[in-house]
Amino acid sequence: LLVVTTCLLVGFLSGKVTQQSITTWYPT
């Protein structure tokens, strides 16, 4: 559970980096 939570946290933080670009830069 601890390792799963850590991996999901890394994924969540990575998702935060991508959020703005998904609607602005990436569509271009």
PDB file of all heavy atoms in Angstrom:
ATOM      1  N   LEU A   1       0.824  -1.206   0.000  1.00  0.00           N
ATOM      2  CA  LEU A   1       0.000   0.000   0.000  1.00  0.00           C
ATOM      3  C   LEU A   1       0.862   1.262   0.000  1.00  0.00           C
ATOM      4  O   LEU A   1       0.553   2.241  -0.702  1.00  0.00           O
ATOM      5  CB  LEU A   1      -0.948  -0.003   1.204  1.00  0.00           C
ATOM      6  CG  LEU A   1      -1.925   1.161   1.292  1.00  0.00           C
ATOM      7  CD1 LEU A   1      -2.851   1.195   0.075  1.00  0.00           C
ATOM      8  CD2 LEU A   1      -2.738   1.067   2.566  1.00  0.00           C
ATOM      9  N   LEU A   2       1.947   1.257   0.738  1.00  0.00           N
ATOM     10  CA  LEU A   2       2.836   2.410   0.800  1.00  0.00           C
ATOM     11  C   LEU A   2       3.489   2.677  -0.563  1.00  0.00           C
ATOM     12  O   LEU A   2       3.554   3.825  -1.018  1.00  0.00           O
ATOM     13  CB  LEU A   2       3.907   2.212   1.876  1.00  0.00           C
ATOM     14  CG  LEU A   2       4.842   3.384   2.124  1.00  0.00           C
ATOM     15  CD1 LEU A   2       4.074   4.634   2.560  1.00  0.00           C
ATOM     16  CD2 LEU A   2       5.870   3.015   3.182  1.00  0.00           C
ATOM     17  N   VAL A   3       3.925   1.625  -1.241  1.00  0.00           N
ATOM     18  CA  VAL A   3       4.561   1.809  -2.552  1.00  0.00           C
ATOM     19  C   VAL A   3       3.514   2.226  -3.591  1.00  0.00           C
ATOM     20  O   VAL A   3       3.782   3.098  -4.421  1.00  0.00           O
ATOM     21  CB  VAL A   3       5.336   0.549  -2.989  1.00  0.00           C
ATOM     22  CG1 VAL A   3       6.019   0.775  -4.334  1.00  0.00           C
ATOM     23  CG2 VAL A   3       6.385   0.157  -1.948  1.00  0.00           C
ATOM     24  N   VAL A   4       2.330   1.635  -3.547  1.00  0.00           N
ATOM     25  CA  VAL A   4       1.258   2.043  -4.464  1.00  0.00           C
ATOM     26  C   VAL A   4       0.937   3.525  -4.261  1.00  0.00           C
ATOM     27  O   VAL A   4       0.826   4.291  -5.231  1.00  0.00           O
ATOM     28  CB  VAL A   4      -0.015   1.172  -4.282  1.00  0.00           C
ATOM     29  CG1 VAL A   4      -1.204   1.776  -5.015  1.00  0.00           C
ATOM     30  CG2 VAL A   4       0.236  -0.253  -4.762  1.00  0.00           C
ATOM     31  N   THR A   5       0.800   3.933  -3.015  1.00  0.00           N
ATOM     32  CA  THR A   5       0.496   5.335  -2.710  1.00  0.00           C
ATOM     33  C   THR A   5       1.595   6.258  -3.228  1.00  0.00           C
ATOM     34  O   THR A   5       1.314   7.313  -3.807  1.00  0.00           O
ATOM     35  CB  THR A   5       0.302   5.520  -1.189  1.00  0.00           C
ATOM     36  OG1 THR A   5      -0.748   4.660  -0.758  1.00  0.00           O
ATOM     37  CG2 THR A   5      -0.032   6.954  -0.841  1.00  0.00           C
ATOM     38  N   THR A   6       2.836   5.862  -3.056  1.00  0.00           N
ATOM     39  CA  THR A   6       3.965   6.660  -3.545  1.00  0.00           C
ATOM     40  C   THR A   6       3.908   6.789  -5.062  1.00  0.00           C
ATOM     41  O   THR A   6       4.077   7.892  -5.605  1.00  0.00           O
ATOM     42  CB  THR A   6       5.299   6.032  -3.107  1.00  0.00           C
ATOM     43  OG1 THR A   6       5.331   5.972  -1.679  1.00  0.00           O
ATOM     44  CG2 THR A   6       6.483   6.823  -3.625  1.00  0.00           C
ATOM     45  N   CYS A   7       3.661   5.686  -5.751  1.00  0.00           N
ATOM     46  CA  CYS A   7       3.579   5.714  -7.216  1.00  0.00           C
ATOM     47  C   CYS A   7       2.419   6.597  -7.679  1.00  0.00           C
ATOM     48  O   CYS A   7       2.567   7.386  -8.624  1.00  0.00           O
ATOM     49  CB  CYS A   7       3.435   4.302  -7.771  1.00  0.00           C
ATOM     50  SG  CYS A   7       4.931   3.301  -7.597  1.00  0.00           S
ATOM     51  N   LEU A   8       1.276   6.465  -7.032  1.00  0.00           N
ATOM     52  CA  LEU A   8       0.126   7.297  -7.397  1.00  0.00           C
ATOM     53  C   LEU A   8       0.400   8.774  -7.123  1.00  0.00           C
ATOM     54  O   LEU A   8      -0.037   9.638  -7.891  1.00  0.00           O
ATOM     55  CB  LEU A   8      -1.133   6.837  -6.669  1.00  0.00           C
ATOM     56  CG  LEU A   8      -1.733   5.525  -7.157  1.00  0.00           C
ATOM     57  CD1 LEU A   8      -2.834   5.049  -6.213  1.00  0.00           C
ATOM     58  CD2 LEU A   8      -2.262   5.660  -8.581  1.00  0.00           C
ATOM     59  N   LEU A   9       1.130   9.070  -6.055  1.00  0.00           N
ATOM     60  CA  LEU A   9       1.487  10.454  -5.756  1.00  0.00           C
ATOM     61  C   LEU A   9       2.399  11.024  -6.848  1.00  0.00           C
ATOM     62  O   LEU A   9       2.207  12.160  -7.294  1.00  0.00           O
ATOM     63  CB  LEU A   9       2.168  10.549  -4.386  1.00  0.00           C
ATOM     64  CG  LEU A   9       2.575  11.954  -3.942  1.00  0.00           C
ATOM     65  CD1 LEU A   9       1.355  12.876  -3.822  1.00  0.00           C
ATOM     66  CD2 LEU A   9       3.313  11.877  -2.616  1.00  0.00           C
ATOM     67  N   VAL A  10       3.359  10.234  -7.288  1.00  0.00           N
ATOM     68  CA  VAL A  10       4.232  10.660  -8.392  1.00  0.00           C
ATOM     69  C   VAL A  10       3.385  10.921  -9.639  1.00  0.00           C
ATOM     70  O   VAL A  10       3.566  11.927 -10.329  1.00  0.00           O
ATOM     71  CB  VAL A  10       5.336   9.623  -8.667  1.00  0.00           C
ATOM     72  CG1 VAL A  10       6.047   9.898  -9.990  1.00  0.00           C
ATOM     73  CG2 VAL A  10       6.337   9.599  -7.514  1.00  0.00           C
ATOM     74  N   GLY A  11       2.444  10.025  -9.909  1.00  0.00           N
ATOM     75  CA  GLY A  11       1.552  10.213 -11.049  1.00  0.00           C
ATOM     76  C   GLY A  11       0.699  11.460 -10.923  1.00  0.00           C
ATOM     77  O   GLY A  11       0.512  12.204 -11.891  1.00  0.00           O
ATOM     78  N   PHE A  12       0.200  11.710  -9.737  1.00  0.00           N
ATOM     79  CA  PHE A  12      -0.620  12.894  -9.488  1.00  0.00           C
ATOM     80  C   PHE A  12       0.185  14.168  -9.719  1.00  0.00           C
ATOM     81  O   PHE A  12      -0.279  15.104 -10.381  1.00  0.00           O
ATOM     82  CB  PHE A  12      -1.176  12.859  -8.063  1.00  0.00           C
ATOM     83  CG  PHE A  12      -1.904  14.104  -7.664  1.00  0.00           C
ATOM     84  CD1 PHE A  12      -3.202  14.337  -8.114  1.00  0.00           C
ATOM     85  CD2 PHE A  12      -1.300  15.055  -6.858  1.00  0.00           C
ATOM     86  CE1 PHE A  12      -3.884  15.492  -7.757  1.00  0.00           C
ATOM     87  CE2 PHE A  12      -1.964  16.216  -6.492  1.00  0.00           C
ATOM     88  CZ  PHE A  12      -3.262  16.439  -6.944  1.00  0.00           C
ATOM     89  N   LEU A  13       1.394  14.199  -9.184  1.00  0.00           N
ATOM     90  CA  LEU A  13       2.246  15.373  -9.347  1.00  0.00           C
ATOM     91  C   LEU A  13       2.640  15.571 -10.811  1.00  0.00           C
ATOM     92  O   LEU A  13       2.686  16.707 -11.300  1.00  0.00           O
ATOM     93  CB  LEU A  13       3.483  15.273  -8.449  1.00  0.00           C
ATOM     94  CG  LEU A  13       3.193  15.294  -6.952  1.00  0.00           C
ATOM     95  CD1 LEU A  13       4.457  15.041  -6.143  1.00  0.00           C
ATOM     96  CD2 LEU A  13       2.533  16.600  -6.529  1.00  0.00           C
ATOM     97  N   SER A  14       2.897  14.483 -11.505  1.00  0.00           N
ATOM     98  CA  SER A  14       3.189  14.570 -12.942  1.00  0.00           C
ATOM     99  C   SER A  14       1.984  15.111 -13.690  1.00  0.00           C
ATOM    100  O   SER A  14       2.129  15.897 -14.634  1.00  0.00           O
ATOM    101  CB  SER A  14       3.567  13.191 -13.501  1.00  0.00           C
ATOM    102  OG  SER A  14       4.742  12.724 -12.908  1.00  0.00           O
ATOM    103  N   GLY A  15       0.808  14.697 -13.289  1.00  0.00           N
ATOM    104  CA  GLY A  15      -0.414  15.185 -13.912  1.00  0.00           C
ATOM    105  C   GLY A  15      -0.597  16.672 -13.721  1.00  0.00           C
ATOM    106  O   GLY A  15      -1.111  17.363 -14.605  1.00  0.00           O
ATOM    107  N   LYS A  16      -0.178  17.173 -12.576  1.00  0.00           N
ATOM    108  CA  LYS A  16      -0.264  18.609 -12.319  1.00  0.00           C
ATOM    109  C   LYS A  16       0.591  19.396 -13.320  1.00  0.00           C
ATOM    110  O   LYS A  16       0.200  20.474 -13.758  1.00  0.00           O
ATOM    111  CB  LYS A  16       0.167  18.944 -10.888  1.00  0.00           C
ATOM    112  CG  LYS A  16      -0.829  18.529  -9.849  1.00  0.00           C
ATOM    113  CD  LYS A  16      -2.066  19.385  -9.991  1.00  0.00           C
ATOM    114  CE  LYS A  16      -3.033  19.162  -8.868  1.00  0.00           C
ATOM    115  NZ  LYS A  16      -4.307  19.825  -9.110  1.00  0.00           N
ATOM    116  N   VAL A  17       1.750  18.834 -13.666  1.00  0.00           N
ATOM    117  CA  VAL A  17       2.640  19.488 -14.631  1.00  0.00           C
ATOM    118  C   VAL A  17       1.995  19.522 -16.019  1.00  0.00           C
ATOM    119  O   VAL A  17       2.155  20.486 -16.755  1.00  0.00           O
ATOM    120  CB  VAL A  17       4.002  18.745 -14.697  1.00  0.00           C
ATOM    121  CG1 VAL A  17       4.869  19.262 -15.832  1.00  0.00           C
ATOM    122  CG2 VAL A  17       4.733  18.858 -13.370  1.00  0.00           C
ATOM    123  N   THR A  18       1.243  18.496 -16.341  1.00  0.00           N
ATOM    124  CA  THR A  18       0.675  18.393 -17.690  1.00  0.00           C
ATOM    125  C   THR A  18      -0.626  19.168 -17.860  1.00  0.00           C
ATOM    126  O   THR A  18      -0.981  19.532 -18.972  1.00  0.00           O
ATOM    127  CB  THR A  18       0.410  16.931 -18.074  1.00  0.00           C
ATOM    128  OG1 THR A  18      -0.623  16.400 -17.248  1.00  0.00           O
ATOM    129  CG2 THR A  18       1.640  16.078 -17.956  1.00  0.00           C
ATOM    130  N   GLN A  19      -1.349  19.422 -16.780  1.00  0.00           N
ATOM    131  CA  GLN A  19      -2.707  19.967 -16.866  1.00  0.00           C
ATOM    132  C   GLN A  19      -2.838  21.198 -17.747  1.00  0.00           C
ATOM    133  O   GLN A  19      -3.695  21.244 -18.629  1.00  0.00           O
ATOM    134  CB  GLN A  19      -3.249  20.286 -15.472  1.00  0.00           C
ATOM    135  CG  GLN A  19      -4.027  19.161 -14.880  1.00  0.00           C
ATOM    136  CD  GLN A  19      -4.572  19.516 -13.507  1.00  0.00           C
ATOM    137  OE1 GLN A  19      -4.035  20.360 -12.800  1.00  0.00           O
ATOM    138  NE2 GLN A  19      -5.639  18.855 -13.130  1.00  0.00           N
ATOM    139  N   GLN A  20      -2.042  22.205 -17.530  1.00  0.00           N
ATOM    140  CA  GLN A  20      -2.189  23.439 -18.294  1.00  0.00           C
ATOM    141  C   GLN A  20      -1.839  23.218 -19.766  1.00  0.00           C
ATOM    142  O   GLN A  20      -2.537  23.703 -20.654  1.00  0.00           O
ATOM    143  CB  GLN A  20      -1.330  24.553 -17.714  1.00  0.00           C
ATOM    144  CG  GLN A  20      -1.533  25.867 -18.448  1.00  0.00           C
ATOM    145  CD  GLN A  20      -0.725  27.001 -17.854  1.00  0.00           C
ATOM    146  OE1 GLN A  20      -0.027  26.824 -16.873  1.00  0.00           O
ATOM    147  NE2 GLN A  20      -0.822  28.163 -18.465  1.00  0.00           N
ATOM    148  N   SER A  21      -0.788  22.457 -20.031  1.00  0.00           N
ATOM    149  CA  SER A  21      -0.358  22.240 -21.412  1.00  0.00           C
ATOM    150  C   SER A  21      -1.350  21.420 -22.223  1.00  0.00           C
ATOM    151  O   SER A  21      -1.400  21.542 -23.441  1.00  0.00           O
ATOM    152  CB  SER A  21       1.010  21.552 -21.435  1.00  0.00           C
ATOM    153  OG  SER A  21       2.002  22.447 -20.989  1.00  0.00           O
ATOM    154  N   ILE A  22      -2.133  20.593 -21.558  1.00  0.00           N
ATOM    155  CA  ILE A  22      -3.118  19.767 -22.267  1.00  0.00           C
ATOM    156  C   ILE A  22      -4.157  20.639 -22.969  1.00  0.00           C
ATOM    157  O   ILE A  22      -4.658  20.278 -24.027  1.00  0.00           O
ATOM    158  CB  ILE A  22      -3.805  18.787 -21.282  1.00  0.00           C
ATOM    159  CG1 ILE A  22      -2.829  17.694 -20.873  1.00  0.00           C
ATOM    160  CG2 ILE A  22      -5.058  18.165 -21.870  1.00  0.00           C
ATOM    161  CD1 ILE A  22      -2.415  16.748 -21.965  1.00  0.00           C
ATOM    162  N   THR A  23      -4.466  21.773 -22.396  1.00  0.00           N
ATOM    163  CA  THR A  23      -5.487  22.646 -22.997  1.00  0.00           C
ATOM    164  C   THR A  23      -4.895  23.815 -23.784  1.00  0.00           C
ATOM    165  O   THR A  23      -5.627  24.483 -24.509  1.00  0.00           O
ATOM    166  CB  THR A  23      -6.428  23.208 -21.908  1.00  0.00           C
ATOM    167  OG1 THR A  23      -5.648  23.916 -20.947  1.00  0.00           O
ATOM    168  CG2 THR A  23      -7.210  22.088 -21.240  1.00  0.00           C
ATOM    169  N   THR A  24      -3.586  24.051 -23.638  1.00  0.00           N
ATOM    170  CA  THR A  24      -3.000  25.210 -24.329  1.00  0.00           C
ATOM    171  C   THR A  24      -2.014  24.784 -25.409  1.00  0.00           C
ATOM    172  O   THR A  24      -2.277  24.907 -26.593  1.00  0.00           O
ATOM    173  CB  THR A  24      -2.311  26.145 -23.317  1.00  0.00           C
ATOM    174  OG1 THR A  24      -1.329  25.410 -22.584  1.00  0.00           O
ATOM    175  CG2 THR A  24      -3.316  26.762 -22.361  1.00  0.00           C
ATOM    176  N   TRP A  25      -0.885  24.234 -25.025  1.00  0.00           N
ATOM    177  CA  TRP A  25       0.200  23.910 -25.957  1.00  0.00           C
ATOM    178  C   TRP A  25      -0.049  22.608 -26.729  1.00  0.00           C
ATOM    179  O   TRP A  25       0.101  22.564 -27.944  1.00  0.00           O
ATOM    180  CB  TRP A  25       1.520  23.829 -25.171  1.00  0.00           C
ATOM    181  CG  TRP A  25       2.673  23.326 -25.953  1.00  0.00           C
ATOM    182  CD1 TRP A  25       3.352  24.007 -26.928  1.00  0.00           C
ATOM    183  CD2 TRP A  25       3.301  22.051 -25.836  1.00  0.00           C
ATOM    184  NE1 TRP A  25       4.361  23.219 -27.425  1.00  0.00           N
ATOM    185  CE2 TRP A  25       4.347  22.015 -26.764  1.00  0.00           C
ATOM    186  CE3 TRP A  25       3.076  20.929 -25.036  1.00  0.00           C
ATOM    187  CZ2 TRP A  25       5.178  20.906 -26.921  1.00  0.00           C
ATOM    188  CZ3 TRP A  25       3.892  19.837 -25.184  1.00  0.00           C
ATOM    189  CH2 TRP A  25       4.928  19.826 -26.117  1.00  0.00           C
ATOM    190  N   TYR A  26      -0.425  21.550 -26.026  1.00  0.00           N
ATOM    191  CA  TYR A  26      -0.557  20.227 -26.637  1.00  0.00           C
ATOM    192  C   TYR A  26      -1.534  20.205 -27.818  1.00  0.00           C
ATOM    193  O   TYR A  26      -1.233  19.585 -28.837  1.00  0.00           O
ATOM    194  CB  TYR A  26      -0.942  19.197 -25.566  1.00  0.00           C
ATOM    195  CG  TYR A  26      -0.888  17.765 -26.015  1.00  0.00           C
ATOM    196  CD1 TYR A  26       0.322  17.155 -26.328  1.00  0.00           C
ATOM    197  CD2 TYR A  26      -2.046  17.005 -26.118  1.00  0.00           C
ATOM    198  CE1 TYR A  26       0.372  15.830 -26.721  1.00  0.00           C
ATOM    199  CE2 TYR A  26      -2.008  15.684 -26.513  1.00  0.00           C
ATOM    200  CZ  TYR A  26      -0.788  15.099 -26.816  1.00  0.00           C
ATOM    201  OH  TYR A  26      -0.742  13.800 -27.219  1.00  0.00           O
ATOM    202  N   PRO A  27      -2.670  20.877 -27.761  1.00  0.00           N
ATOM    203  CA  PRO A  27      -3.591  20.874 -28.912  1.00  0.00           C
ATOM    204  C   PRO A  27      -3.001  21.516 -30.172  1.00  0.00           C
ATOM    205  O   PRO A  27      -3.474  21.249 -31.273  1.00  0.00           O
ATOM    206  CB  PRO A  27      -4.806  21.672 -28.421  1.00  0.00           C
ATOM    207  CG  PRO A  27      -4.750  21.588 -26.948  1.00  0.00           C
ATOM    208  CD  PRO A  27      -3.280  21.533 -26.605  1.00  0.00           C
ATOM    209  N   THR A  28      -1.974  22.334 -30.018  1.00  0.00           N
ATOM    210  CA  THR A  28      -1.378  22.996 -31.181  1.00  0.00           C
ATOM    211  C   THR A  28      -0.404  22.090 -31.932  1.00  0.00           C
ATOM    212  O   THR A  28       0.012  22.428 -33.036  1.00  0.00           O
ATOM    213  CB  THR A  28      -0.639  24.289 -30.771  1.00  0.00           C
ATOM    214  OG1 THR A  28       0.520  23.952 -29.994  1.00  0.00           O
ATOM    215  CG2 THR A  28      -1.561  25.225 -29.995  1.00  0.00           C
TER     216      THR A  28
END
